[in-house]
């Protein structure tokens, strides 16, 4: 496991949001792919969320959506999620991986930059 992968400045983002159910998550995921805002979207069902909302502690079962995109798409993808999300205040978080496999990064870039 001593392979040295080149360290390149991260252009990729992993964008996370949670949704109330699989149907809402699939609809959002399809919109992100159709709009070339993400190259890949993964949906994880069965997330248990505990949070405070309007002074009350809430517990909900949610679905986590993870979209792979590029930094150049951040404004578009965050606006799309905010405008299509069923929650009043959706969680929209983005993380840049410190490292990633170069071929995968090129694929993500090509998918989000292709013309519709």
PDB file of N, CA and C in Angstrom:
ATOM      1  N   UNK A   1       0.839  -1.185   0.000  1.00  0.00           N
ATOM      2  CA  UNK A   1       0.000   0.000   0.000  1.00  0.00           C
ATOM      3  C   UNK A   1       0.877   1.238   0.000  1.00  0.00           C
ATOM      4  N   UNK A   2       2.008   1.161  -0.632  1.00  0.00           N
ATOM      5  CA  UNK A   2       2.922   2.291  -0.644  1.00  0.00           C
ATOM      6  C   UNK A   2       2.837   3.091  -1.942  1.00  0.00           C
ATOM      7  N   UNK A   3       1.748   2.912  -2.698  1.00  0.00           N
ATOM      8  CA  UNK A   3       1.589   3.679  -3.924  1.00  0.00           C
ATOM      9  C   UNK A   3       1.471   5.147  -3.586  1.00  0.00           C
ATOM     10  N   UNK A   4       2.164   5.961  -4.343  1.00  0.00           N
ATOM     11  CA  UNK A   4       2.076   7.401  -4.140  1.00  0.00           C
ATOM     12  C   UNK A   4       1.241   8.010  -5.245  1.00  0.00           C
ATOM     13  N   UNK A   5       0.059   8.449  -4.894  1.00  0.00           N
ATOM     14  CA  UNK A   5      -0.785   9.126  -5.852  1.00  0.00           C
ATOM     15  C   UNK A   5      -0.403  10.590  -5.861  1.00  0.00           C
ATOM     16  N   UNK A   6      -0.430  11.225  -7.026  1.00  0.00           N
ATOM     17  CA  UNK A   6      -0.080  12.640  -7.057  1.00  0.00           C
ATOM     18  C   UNK A   6      -1.100  13.460  -6.269  1.00  0.00           C
ATOM     19  N   UNK A   7      -0.602  14.420  -5.512  1.00  0.00           N
ATOM     20  CA  UNK A   7      -1.482  15.310  -4.775  1.00  0.00           C
ATOM     21  C   UNK A   7      -1.719  16.523  -5.662  1.00  0.00           C
ATOM     22  N   UNK A   8      -2.963  16.730  -6.028  1.00  0.00           N
ATOM     23  CA  UNK A   8      -3.321  17.870  -6.873  1.00  0.00           C
ATOM     24  C   UNK A   8      -4.334  18.718  -6.123  1.00  0.00           C
ATOM     25  N   UNK A   9      -4.332  20.016  -6.379  1.00  0.00           N
ATOM     26  CA  UNK A   9      -5.337  20.848  -5.708  1.00  0.00           C
ATOM     27  C   UNK A   9      -6.734  20.319  -6.037  1.00  0.00           C
ATOM     28  N   UNK A  10      -7.555  20.189  -5.030  1.00  0.00           N
ATOM     29  CA  UNK A  10      -8.868  19.591  -5.224  1.00  0.00           C
ATOM     30  C   UNK A  10      -9.790  20.511  -6.010  1.00  0.00           C
ATOM     31  N   UNK A  11     -10.336  19.964  -7.066  1.00  0.00           N
ATOM     32  CA  UNK A  11     -11.358  20.649  -7.841  1.00  0.00           C
ATOM     33  C   UNK A  11     -12.726  20.048  -7.548  1.00  0.00           C
ATOM     34  N   UNK A  12     -12.715  18.922  -6.851  1.00  0.00           N
ATOM     35  CA  UNK A  12     -13.959  18.207  -6.614  1.00  0.00           C
ATOM     36  C   UNK A  12     -14.639  18.662  -5.330  1.00  0.00           C
ATOM     37  N   UNK A  13     -15.964  18.516  -5.331  1.00  0.00           N
ATOM     38  CA  UNK A  13     -16.764  18.731  -4.133  1.00  0.00           C
ATOM     39  C   UNK A  13     -17.669  17.535  -3.945  1.00  0.00           C
ATOM     40  N   UNK A  14     -17.901  17.194  -2.698  1.00  0.00           N
ATOM     41  CA  UNK A  14     -18.932  16.239  -2.335  1.00  0.00           C
ATOM     42  C   UNK A  14     -19.982  17.075  -1.602  1.00  0.00           C
ATOM     43  N   UNK A  15     -21.176  17.141  -2.161  1.00  0.00           N
ATOM     44  CA  UNK A  15     -22.246  17.963  -1.597  1.00  0.00           C
ATOM     45  C   UNK A  15     -23.255  17.045  -0.922  1.00  0.00           C
ATOM     46  N   UNK A  16     -23.573  17.353   0.332  1.00  0.00           N
ATOM     47  CA  UNK A  16     -24.497  16.545   1.116  1.00  0.00           C
ATOM     48  C   UNK A  16     -25.760  17.322   1.429  1.00  0.00           C
ATOM     49  N   UNK A  17     -26.873  16.610   1.426  1.00  0.00           N
ATOM     50  CA  UNK A  17     -28.128  17.148   1.917  1.00  0.00           C
ATOM     51  C   UNK A  17     -28.959  15.976   2.422  1.00  0.00           C
ATOM     52  N   UNK A  18     -29.888  16.248   3.311  1.00  0.00           N
ATOM     53  CA  UNK A  18     -30.778  15.196   3.805  1.00  0.00           C
ATOM     54  C   UNK A  18     -32.197  15.520   3.360  1.00  0.00           C
ATOM     55  N   UNK A  19     -32.955  14.466   3.112  1.00  0.00           N
ATOM     56  CA  UNK A  19     -34.319  14.607   2.612  1.00  0.00           C
ATOM     57  C   UNK A  19     -35.269  13.722   3.408  1.00  0.00           C
ATOM     58  N   UNK A  20     -36.572  13.993   3.316  1.00  0.00           N
ATOM     59  CA  UNK A  20     -37.511  13.253   4.148  1.00  0.00           C
ATOM     60  C   UNK A  20     -37.743  11.799   3.736  1.00  0.00           C
ATOM     61  N   UNK A  21     -37.528  11.478   2.444  1.00  0.00           N
ATOM     62  CA  UNK A  21     -37.790  10.104   1.994  1.00  0.00           C
ATOM     63  C   UNK A  21     -37.050   9.816   0.688  1.00  0.00           C
ATOM     64  N   UNK A  22     -37.053   8.548   0.315  1.00  0.00           N
ATOM     65  CA  UNK A  22     -36.331   8.111  -0.880  1.00  0.00           C
ATOM     66  C   UNK A  22     -36.889   8.734  -2.151  1.00  0.00           C
ATOM     67  N   UNK A  23     -38.191   8.937  -2.217  1.00  0.00           N
ATOM     68  CA  UNK A  23     -38.788   9.546  -3.404  1.00  0.00           C
ATOM     69  C   UNK A  23     -38.272  10.954  -3.642  1.00  0.00           C
ATOM     70  N   UNK A  24     -38.214  11.752  -2.585  1.00  0.00           N
ATOM     71  CA  UNK A  24     -37.695  13.116  -2.701  1.00  0.00           C
ATOM     72  C   UNK A  24     -36.215  13.096  -3.057  1.00  0.00           C
ATOM     73  N   UNK A  25     -35.467  12.160  -2.479  1.00  0.00           N
ATOM     74  CA  UNK A  25     -34.038  12.052  -2.764  1.00  0.00           C
ATOM     75  C   UNK A  25     -33.799  11.658  -4.220  1.00  0.00           C
ATOM     76  N   UNK A  26     -34.567  10.692  -4.726  1.00  0.00           N
ATOM     77  CA  UNK A  26     -34.405  10.266  -6.119  1.00  0.00           C
ATOM     78  C   UNK A  26     -34.764  11.383  -7.085  1.00  0.00           C
ATOM     79  N   UNK A  27     -35.808  12.126  -6.785  1.00  0.00           N
ATOM     80  CA  UNK A  27     -36.211  13.239  -7.650  1.00  0.00           C
ATOM     81  C   UNK A  27     -35.107  14.298  -7.696  1.00  0.00           C
ATOM     82  N   UNK A  28     -34.561  14.628  -6.549  1.00  0.00           N
ATOM     83  CA  UNK A  28     -33.482  15.615  -6.497  1.00  0.00           C
ATOM     84  C   UNK A  28     -32.250  15.090  -7.218  1.00  0.00           C
ATOM     85  N   UNK A  29     -31.903  13.840  -6.993  1.00  0.00           N
ATOM     86  CA  UNK A  29     -30.736  13.232  -7.643  1.00  0.00           C
ATOM     87  C   UNK A  29     -30.885  13.258  -9.158  1.00  0.00           C
ATOM     88  N   UNK A  30     -32.049  12.889  -9.658  1.00  0.00           N
ATOM     89  CA  UNK A  30     -32.278  12.896 -11.109  1.00  0.00           C
ATOM     90  C   UNK A  30     -32.146  14.306 -11.675  1.00  0.00           C
ATOM     91  N   UNK A  31     -32.644  15.302 -10.950  1.00  0.00           N
ATOM     92  CA  UNK A  31     -32.513  16.692 -11.395  1.00  0.00           C
ATOM     93  C   UNK A  31     -31.065  17.149 -11.443  1.00  0.00           C
ATOM     94  N   UNK A  32     -30.271  16.738 -10.447  1.00  0.00           N
ATOM     95  CA  UNK A  32     -28.853  17.102 -10.431  1.00  0.00           C
ATOM     96  C   UNK A  32     -28.103  16.477 -11.606  1.00  0.00           C
ATOM     97  N   UNK A  33     -28.414  15.226 -11.914  1.00  0.00           N
ATOM     98  CA  UNK A  33     -27.757  14.547 -13.034  1.00  0.00           C
ATOM     99  C   UNK A  33     -28.235  15.133 -14.359  1.00  0.00           C
ATOM    100  N   UNK A  34     -29.535  15.324 -14.513  1.00  0.00           N
ATOM    101  CA  UNK A  34     -30.085  15.856 -15.759  1.00  0.00           C
ATOM    102  C   UNK A  34     -29.562  17.260 -16.056  1.00  0.00           C
ATOM    103  N   UNK A  35     -29.332  18.044 -15.013  1.00  0.00           N
ATOM    104  CA  UNK A  35     -28.844  19.402 -15.191  1.00  0.00           C
ATOM    105  C   UNK A  35     -27.332  19.516 -15.242  1.00  0.00           C
ATOM    106  N   UNK A  36     -26.635  18.397 -15.289  1.00  0.00           N
ATOM    107  CA  UNK A  36     -25.172  18.358 -15.298  1.00  0.00           C
ATOM    108  C   UNK A  36     -24.565  19.092 -14.108  1.00  0.00           C
ATOM    109  N   UNK A  37     -25.269  19.041 -12.977  1.00  0.00           N
ATOM    110  CA  UNK A  37     -24.758  19.654 -11.762  1.00  0.00           C
ATOM    111  C   UNK A  37     -23.947  18.668 -10.936  1.00  0.00           C
ATOM    112  N   UNK A  38     -24.135  17.395 -11.181  1.00  0.00           N
ATOM    113  CA  UNK A  38     -23.390  16.337 -10.493  1.00  0.00           C
ATOM    114  C   UNK A  38     -23.116  15.201 -11.466  1.00  0.00           C
ATOM    115  N   UNK A  39     -21.999  14.533 -11.265  1.00  0.00           N
ATOM    116  CA  UNK A  39     -21.649  13.381 -12.099  1.00  0.00           C
ATOM    117  C   UNK A  39     -22.229  12.103 -11.528  1.00  0.00           C
ATOM    118  N   UNK A  40     -22.374  12.059 -10.216  1.00  0.00           N
ATOM    119  CA  UNK A  40     -22.838  10.868  -9.521  1.00  0.00           C
ATOM    120  C   UNK A  40     -23.539  11.305  -8.244  1.00  0.00           C
ATOM    121  N   UNK A  41     -24.642  10.657  -7.935  1.00  0.00           N
ATOM    122  CA  UNK A  41     -25.352  10.948  -6.692  1.00  0.00           C
ATOM    123  C   UNK A  41     -25.636   9.618  -6.004  1.00  0.00           C
ATOM    124  N   UNK A  42     -25.271   9.544  -4.749  1.00  0.00           N
ATOM    125  CA  UNK A  42     -25.556   8.355  -3.959  1.00  0.00           C
ATOM    126  C   UNK A  42     -26.607   8.697  -2.918  1.00  0.00           C
ATOM    127  N   UNK A  43     -27.485   7.735  -2.678  1.00  0.00           N
ATOM    128  CA  UNK A  43     -28.586   7.917  -1.730  1.00  0.00           C
ATOM    129  C   UNK A  43     -28.466   6.854  -0.645  1.00  0.00           C
ATOM    130  N   UNK A  44     -28.444   7.303   0.597  1.00  0.00           N
ATOM    131  CA  UNK A  44     -28.343   6.404   1.735  1.00  0.00           C
ATOM    132  C   UNK A  44     -29.613   6.536   2.565  1.00  0.00           C
ATOM    133  N   UNK A  45     -30.390   5.485   2.601  1.00  0.00           N
ATOM    134  CA  UNK A  45     -31.649   5.485   3.355  1.00  0.00           C
ATOM    135  C   UNK A  45     -31.384   5.077   4.803  1.00  0.00           C
ATOM    136  N   UNK A  46     -32.292   5.440   5.677  1.00  0.00           N
ATOM    137  CA  UNK A  46     -32.228   4.980   7.056  1.00  0.00           C
ATOM    138  C   UNK A  46     -31.371   5.815   7.982  1.00  0.00           C
ATOM    139  N   UNK A  47     -31.162   7.072   7.658  1.00  0.00           N
ATOM    140  CA  UNK A  47     -30.381   7.958   8.523  1.00  0.00           C
ATOM    141  C   UNK A  47     -31.302   8.469   9.632  1.00  0.00           C
ATOM    142  N   UNK A  48     -30.846   8.383  10.843  1.00  0.00           N
ATOM    143  CA  UNK A  48     -31.611   8.891  11.982  1.00  0.00           C
ATOM    144  C   UNK A  48     -31.064  10.264  12.352  1.00  0.00           C
ATOM    145  N   UNK A  49     -31.897  11.291  12.285  1.00  0.00           N
ATOM    146  CA  UNK A  49     -31.468  12.654  12.603  1.00  0.00           C
ATOM    147  C   UNK A  49     -32.141  13.144  13.878  1.00  0.00           C
ATOM    148  N   UNK A  50     -31.349  13.757  14.724  1.00  0.00           N
ATOM    149  CA  UNK A  50     -31.851  14.394  15.935  1.00  0.00           C
ATOM    150  C   UNK A  50     -31.354  15.830  15.883  1.00  0.00           C
ATOM    151  N   UNK A  51     -32.265  16.777  15.970  1.00  0.00           N
ATOM    152  CA  UNK A  51     -31.903  18.175  15.818  1.00  0.00           C
ATOM    153  C   UNK A  51     -32.885  19.067  16.569  1.00  0.00           C
ATOM    154  N   UNK A  52     -32.489  20.318  16.746  1.00  0.00           N
ATOM    155  CA  UNK A  52     -33.370  21.299  17.368  1.00  0.00           C
ATOM    156  C   UNK A  52     -33.927  22.187  16.263  1.00  0.00           C
ATOM    157  N   UNK A  53     -35.236  22.336  16.231  1.00  0.00           N
ATOM    158  CA  UNK A  53     -35.889  23.188  15.238  1.00  0.00           C
ATOM    159  C   UNK A  53     -36.958  24.011  15.941  1.00  0.00           C
ATOM    160  N   UNK A  54     -36.818  25.314  15.852  1.00  0.00           N
ATOM    161  CA  UNK A  54     -37.763  26.249  16.461  1.00  0.00           C
ATOM    162  C   UNK A  54     -37.955  25.945  17.954  1.00  0.00           C
ATOM    163  N   UNK A  55     -36.837  25.678  18.634  1.00  0.00           N
ATOM    164  CA  UNK A  55     -36.847  25.463  20.071  1.00  0.00           C
ATOM    165  C   UNK A  55     -37.264  24.083  20.530  1.00  0.00           C
ATOM    166  N   UNK A  56     -37.555  23.192  19.600  1.00  0.00           N
ATOM    167  CA  UNK A  56     -38.029  21.848  19.942  1.00  0.00           C
ATOM    168  C   UNK A  56     -37.034  20.801  19.428  1.00  0.00           C
ATOM    169  N   UNK A  57     -36.739  19.799  20.248  1.00  0.00           N
ATOM    170  CA  UNK A  57     -35.873  18.703  19.814  1.00  0.00           C
ATOM    171  C   UNK A  57     -36.714  17.735  18.981  1.00  0.00           C
ATOM    172  N   UNK A  58     -36.228  17.469  17.777  1.00  0.00           N
ATOM    173  CA  UNK A  58     -36.952  16.602  16.835  1.00  0.00           C
ATOM    174  C   UNK A  58     -36.105  15.371  16.517  1.00  0.00           C
ATOM    175  N   UNK A  59     -36.781  14.277  16.242  1.00  0.00           N
ATOM    176  CA  UNK A  59     -36.135  13.049  15.780  1.00  0.00           C
ATOM    177  C   UNK A  59     -36.864  12.590  14.531  1.00  0.00           C
ATOM    178  N   UNK A  60     -36.118  12.414  13.462  1.00  0.00           N
ATOM    179  CA  UNK A  60     -36.699  12.021  12.180  1.00  0.00           C
ATOM    180  C   UNK A  60     -35.835  10.982  11.489  1.00  0.00           C
ATOM    181  N   UNK A  61     -36.466  10.137  10.729  1.00  0.00           N
ATOM    182  CA  UNK A  61     -35.765   9.236   9.829  1.00  0.00           C
ATOM    183  C   UNK A  61     -35.642   9.989   8.500  1.00  0.00           C
ATOM    184  N   UNK A  62     -34.431  10.052   7.979  1.00  0.00           N
ATOM    185  CA  UNK A  62     -34.187  10.794   6.746  1.00  0.00           C
ATOM    186  C   UNK A  62     -33.365   9.963   5.763  1.00  0.00           C
ATOM    187  N   UNK A  63     -33.168  10.525   4.601  1.00  0.00           N
ATOM    188  CA  UNK A  63     -32.364   9.927   3.547  1.00  0.00           C
ATOM    189  C   UNK A  63     -31.237  10.907   3.249  1.00  0.00           C
ATOM    190  N   UNK A  64     -29.998  10.414   3.192  1.00  0.00           N
ATOM    191  CA  UNK A  64     -28.834  11.260   2.927  1.00  0.00           C
ATOM    192  C   UNK A  64     -28.478  11.176   1.450  1.00  0.00           C
ATOM    193  N   UNK A  65     -28.296  12.327   0.828  1.00  0.00           N
ATOM    194  CA  UNK A  65     -27.917  12.409  -0.573  1.00  0.00           C
ATOM    195  C   UNK A  65     -26.500  12.971  -0.648  1.00  0.00           C
ATOM    196  N   UNK A  66     -25.647  12.322  -1.423  1.00  0.00           N
ATOM    197  CA  UNK A  66     -24.254  12.720  -1.589  1.00  0.00           C
ATOM    198  C   UNK A  66     -23.970  12.884  -3.081  1.00  0.00           C
ATOM    199  N   UNK A  67     -23.702  14.117  -3.506  1.00  0.00           N
ATOM    200  CA  UNK A  67     -23.493  14.407  -4.929  1.00  0.00           C
ATOM    201  C   UNK A  67     -22.034  14.753  -5.187  1.00  0.00           C
ATOM    202  N   UNK A  68     -21.464  14.151  -6.233  1.00  0.00           N
ATOM    203  CA  UNK A  68     -20.076  14.437  -6.618  1.00  0.00           C
ATOM    204  C   UNK A  68     -20.097  15.450  -7.751  1.00  0.00           C
ATOM    205  N   UNK A  69     -19.402  16.570  -7.538  1.00  0.00           N
ATOM    206  CA  UNK A  69     -19.391  17.656  -8.505  1.00  0.00           C
ATOM    207  C   UNK A  69     -18.050  18.374  -8.434  1.00  0.00           C
ATOM    208  N   UNK A  70     -17.977  19.568  -9.019  1.00  0.00           N
ATOM    209  CA  UNK A  70     -16.756  20.364  -8.979  1.00  0.00           C
ATOM    210  C   UNK A  70     -17.017  21.687  -8.268  1.00  0.00           C
ATOM    211  N   UNK A  71     -15.929  22.314  -7.822  1.00  0.00           N
ATOM    212  CA  UNK A  71     -16.053  23.600  -7.137  1.00  0.00           C
ATOM    213  C   UNK A  71     -16.722  24.644  -8.023  1.00  0.00           C
ATOM    214  N   UNK A  72     -16.495  24.578  -9.317  1.00  0.00           N
ATOM    215  CA  UNK A  72     -17.079  25.569 -10.230  1.00  0.00           C
ATOM    216  C   UNK A  72     -18.601  25.469 -10.300  1.00  0.00           C
ATOM    217  N   UNK A  73     -19.171  24.364  -9.852  1.00  0.00           N
ATOM    218  CA  UNK A  73     -20.631  24.170  -9.878  1.00  0.00           C
ATOM    219  C   UNK A  73     -21.300  24.503  -8.548  1.00  0.00           C
ATOM    220  N   UNK A  74     -20.522  24.931  -7.535  1.00  0.00           N
ATOM    221  CA  UNK A  74     -21.069  25.140  -6.199  1.00  0.00           C
ATOM    222  C   UNK A  74     -22.274  26.076  -6.187  1.00  0.00           C
ATOM    223  N   UNK A  75     -22.173  27.236  -6.797  1.00  0.00           N
ATOM    224  CA  UNK A  75     -23.289  28.189  -6.755  1.00  0.00           C
ATOM    225  C   UNK A  75     -24.535  27.614  -7.427  1.00  0.00           C
ATOM    226  N   UNK A  76     -24.349  26.942  -8.551  1.00  0.00           N
ATOM    227  CA  UNK A  76     -25.492  26.352  -9.262  1.00  0.00           C
ATOM    228  C   UNK A  76     -26.120  25.203  -8.483  1.00  0.00           C
ATOM    229  N   UNK A  77     -25.295  24.305  -7.975  1.00  0.00           N
ATOM    230  CA  UNK A  77     -25.844  23.133  -7.294  1.00  0.00           C
ATOM    231  C   UNK A  77     -26.511  23.525  -5.982  1.00  0.00           C
ATOM    232  N   UNK A  78     -25.909  24.455  -5.241  1.00  0.00           N
ATOM    233  CA  UNK A  78     -26.527  24.869  -3.979  1.00  0.00           C
ATOM    234  C   UNK A  78     -27.836  25.605  -4.230  1.00  0.00           C
ATOM    235  N   UNK A  79     -27.902  26.434  -5.268  1.00  0.00           N
ATOM    236  CA  UNK A  79     -29.153  27.128  -5.614  1.00  0.00           C
ATOM    237  C   UNK A  79     -30.224  26.126  -6.052  1.00  0.00           C
ATOM    238  N   UNK A  80     -29.832  25.136  -6.859  1.00  0.00           N
ATOM    239  CA  UNK A  80     -30.789  24.124  -7.319  1.00  0.00           C
ATOM    240  C   UNK A  80     -31.367  23.355  -6.138  1.00  0.00           C
ATOM    241  N   UNK A  81     -30.496  22.920  -5.230  1.00  0.00           N
ATOM    242  CA  UNK A  81     -30.974  22.174  -4.060  1.00  0.00           C
ATOM    243  C   UNK A  81     -31.913  23.046  -3.230  1.00  0.00           C
ATOM    244  N   UNK A  82     -31.506  24.272  -2.957  1.00  0.00           N
ATOM    245  CA  UNK A  82     -32.337  25.171  -2.146  1.00  0.00           C
ATOM    246  C   UNK A  82     -33.703  25.405  -2.783  1.00  0.00           C
ATOM    247  N   UNK A  83     -33.729  25.577  -4.103  1.00  0.00           N
ATOM    248  CA  UNK A  83     -34.986  25.868  -4.798  1.00  0.00           C
ATOM    249  C   UNK A  83     -35.902  24.670  -4.982  1.00  0.00           C
ATOM    250  N   UNK A  84     -35.356  23.457  -4.952  1.00  0.00           N
ATOM    251  CA  UNK A  84     -36.179  22.268  -5.198  1.00  0.00           C
ATOM    252  C   UNK A  84     -36.387  21.406  -3.959  1.00  0.00           C
ATOM    253  N   UNK A  85     -35.717  21.737  -2.889  1.00  0.00           N
ATOM    254  CA  UNK A  85     -35.761  20.935  -1.667  1.00  0.00           C
ATOM    255  C   UNK A  85     -37.091  21.130  -0.934  1.00  0.00           C
ATOM    256  N   UNK A  86     -37.660  20.063  -0.368  1.00  0.00           N
ATOM    257  CA  UNK A  86     -38.945  20.204   0.335  1.00  0.00           C
ATOM    258  C   UNK A  86     -38.846  20.869   1.714  1.00  0.00           C
ATOM    259  N   UNK A  87     -37.651  20.972   2.297  1.00  0.00           N
ATOM    260  CA  UNK A  87     -37.508  21.585   3.618  1.00  0.00           C
ATOM    261  C   UNK A  87     -37.425  23.107   3.498  1.00  0.00           C
ATOM    262  N   UNK A  88     -37.893  23.803   4.537  1.00  0.00           N
ATOM    263  CA  UNK A  88     -37.771  25.261   4.590  1.00  0.00           C
ATOM    264  C   UNK A  88     -36.310  25.691   4.650  1.00  0.00           C
ATOM    265  N   UNK A  89     -35.511  24.949   5.399  1.00  0.00           N
ATOM    266  CA  UNK A  89     -34.087  25.249   5.553  1.00  0.00           C
ATOM    267  C   UNK A  89     -33.297  23.961   5.344  1.00  0.00           C
ATOM    268  N   UNK A  90     -32.972  23.651   4.091  1.00  0.00           N
ATOM    269  CA  UNK A  90     -32.255  22.395   3.838  1.00  0.00           C
ATOM    270  C   UNK A  90     -30.794  22.465   4.258  1.00  0.00           C
ATOM    271  N   UNK A  91     -30.304  21.329   4.716  1.00  0.00           N
ATOM    272  CA  UNK A  91     -28.871  21.167   4.959  1.00  0.00           C
ATOM    273  C   UNK A  91     -28.201  21.078   3.599  1.00  0.00           C
ATOM    274  N   UNK A  92     -27.252  21.962   3.338  1.00  0.00           N
ATOM    275  CA  UNK A  92     -26.463  21.898   2.103  1.00  0.00           C
ATOM    276  C   UNK A  92     -25.019  22.119   2.512  1.00  0.00           C
ATOM    277  N   UNK A  93     -24.250  21.040   2.537  1.00  0.00           N
ATOM    278  CA  UNK A  93     -22.851  21.082   2.954  1.00  0.00           C
ATOM    279  C   UNK A  93     -21.976  20.599   1.803  1.00  0.00           C
ATOM    280  N   UNK A  94     -20.797  21.185   1.674  1.00  0.00           N
ATOM    281  CA  UNK A  94     -19.859  20.746   0.645  1.00  0.00           C
ATOM    282  C   UNK A  94     -18.482  20.526   1.261  1.00  0.00           C
ATOM    283  N   UNK A  95     -17.857  19.460   0.822  1.00  0.00           N
ATOM    284  CA  UNK A  95     -16.521  19.105   1.284  1.00  0.00           C
ATOM    285  C   UNK A  95     -15.641  18.832   0.069  1.00  0.00           C
ATOM    286  N   UNK A  96     -14.406  19.290   0.143  1.00  0.00           N
ATOM    287  CA  UNK A  96     -13.429  18.983  -0.905  1.00  0.00           C
ATOM    288  C   UNK A  96     -12.545  17.847  -0.427  1.00  0.00           C
ATOM    289  N   UNK A  97     -12.496  16.764  -1.178  1.00  0.00           N
ATOM    290  CA  UNK A  97     -11.591  15.696  -0.770  1.00  0.00           C
ATOM    291  C   UNK A  97     -10.149  16.162  -0.888  1.00  0.00           C
ATOM    292  N   UNK A  98      -9.357  15.797   0.083  1.00  0.00           N
ATOM    293  CA  UNK A  98      -7.948  16.177   0.066  1.00  0.00           C
ATOM    294  C   UNK A  98      -7.232  15.499  -1.098  1.00  0.00           C
ATOM    295  N   UNK A  99      -7.621  14.265  -1.360  1.00  0.00           N
ATOM    296  CA  UNK A  99      -7.047  13.509  -2.468  1.00  0.00           C
ATOM    297  C   UNK A  99      -8.145  12.680  -3.118  1.00  0.00           C
ATOM    298  N   UNK A 100      -7.941  12.376  -4.367  1.00  0.00           N
ATOM    299  CA  UNK A 100      -8.852  11.482  -5.088  1.00  0.00           C
ATOM    300  C   UNK A 100      -8.105  10.909  -6.280  1.00  0.00           C
ATOM    301  N   UNK A 101      -8.606   9.821  -6.781  1.00  0.00           N
ATOM    302  CA  UNK A 101      -7.986   9.158  -7.917  1.00  0.00           C
ATOM    303  C   UNK A 101      -8.158  10.058  -9.150  1.00  0.00           C
ATOM    304  N   UNK A 102      -7.080  10.303  -9.859  1.00  0.00           N
ATOM    305  CA  UNK A 102      -7.057  11.276 -10.953  1.00  0.00           C
ATOM    306  C   UNK A 102      -8.072  10.974 -12.055  1.00  0.00           C
ATOM    307  N   UNK A 103      -8.165   9.717 -12.467  1.00  0.00           N
ATOM    308  CA  UNK A 103      -9.113   9.355 -13.543  1.00  0.00           C
ATOM    309  C   UNK A 103     -10.550   9.657 -13.118  1.00  0.00           C
ATOM    310  N   UNK A 104     -10.869   9.363 -11.853  1.00  0.00           N
ATOM    311  CA  UNK A 104     -12.213   9.641 -11.332  1.00  0.00           C
ATOM    312  C   UNK A 104     -12.480  11.143 -11.362  1.00  0.00           C
ATOM    313  N   UNK A 105     -11.514  11.932 -10.944  1.00  0.00           N
ATOM    314  CA  UNK A 105     -11.667  13.380 -10.963  1.00  0.00           C
ATOM    315  C   UNK A 105     -11.909  13.910 -12.365  1.00  0.00           C
ATOM    316  N   UNK A 106     -11.191  13.380 -13.324  1.00  0.00           N
ATOM    317  CA  UNK A 106     -11.381  13.797 -14.720  1.00  0.00           C
ATOM    318  C   UNK A 106     -12.776  13.419 -15.206  1.00  0.00           C
ATOM    319  N   UNK A 107     -13.255  12.247 -14.803  1.00  0.00           N
ATOM    320  CA  UNK A 107     -14.596  11.825 -15.190  1.00  0.00           C
ATOM    321  C   UNK A 107     -15.648  12.766 -14.614  1.00  0.00           C
ATOM    322  N   UNK A 108     -15.545  13.097 -13.327  1.00  0.00           N
ATOM    323  CA  UNK A 108     -16.498  14.017 -12.712  1.00  0.00           C
ATOM    324  C   UNK A 108     -16.497  15.349 -13.452  1.00  0.00           C
ATOM    325  N   UNK A 109     -15.311  15.889 -13.699  1.00  0.00           N
ATOM    326  CA  UNK A 109     -15.214  17.163 -14.418  1.00  0.00           C
ATOM    327  C   UNK A 109     -15.857  17.097 -15.801  1.00  0.00           C
ATOM    328  N   UNK A 110     -15.597  16.014 -16.526  1.00  0.00           N
ATOM    329  CA  UNK A 110     -16.165  15.901 -17.871  1.00  0.00           C
ATOM    330  C   UNK A 110     -17.684  15.785 -17.836  1.00  0.00           C
ATOM    331  N   UNK A 111     -18.220  15.096 -16.844  1.00  0.00           N
ATOM    332  CA  UNK A 111     -19.673  14.928 -16.756  1.00  0.00           C
ATOM    333  C   UNK A 111     -20.391  16.237 -16.421  1.00  0.00           C
ATOM    334  N   UNK A 112     -19.851  17.016 -15.510  1.00  0.00           N
ATOM    335  CA  UNK A 112     -20.544  18.251 -15.127  1.00  0.00           C
ATOM    336  C   UNK A 112     -20.280  19.386 -16.124  1.00  0.00           C
ATOM    337  N   UNK A 113     -19.292  19.221 -16.990  1.00  0.00           N
ATOM    338  CA  UNK A 113     -18.986  20.264 -17.957  1.00  0.00           C
ATOM    339  C   UNK A 113     -19.484  19.955 -19.357  1.00  0.00           C
ATOM    340  N   UNK A 114     -20.116  18.796 -19.555  1.00  0.00           N
ATOM    341  CA  UNK A 114     -20.613  18.480 -20.901  1.00  0.00           C
ATOM    342  C   UNK A 114     -21.866  19.310 -21.172  1.00  0.00           C
ATOM    343  N   UNK A 115     -22.075  19.599 -22.416  1.00  0.00           N
ATOM    344  CA  UNK A 115     -23.220  20.420 -22.827  1.00  0.00           C
ATOM    345  C   UNK A 115     -24.470  19.550 -22.929  1.00  0.00           C
ATOM    346  N   UNK A 116     -25.578  20.096 -22.481  1.00  0.00           N
ATOM    347  CA  UNK A 116     -26.856  19.374 -22.534  1.00  0.00           C
ATOM    348  C   UNK A 116     -27.375  19.270 -23.936  1.00  0.00           C
TER     349      UNK A 116
END
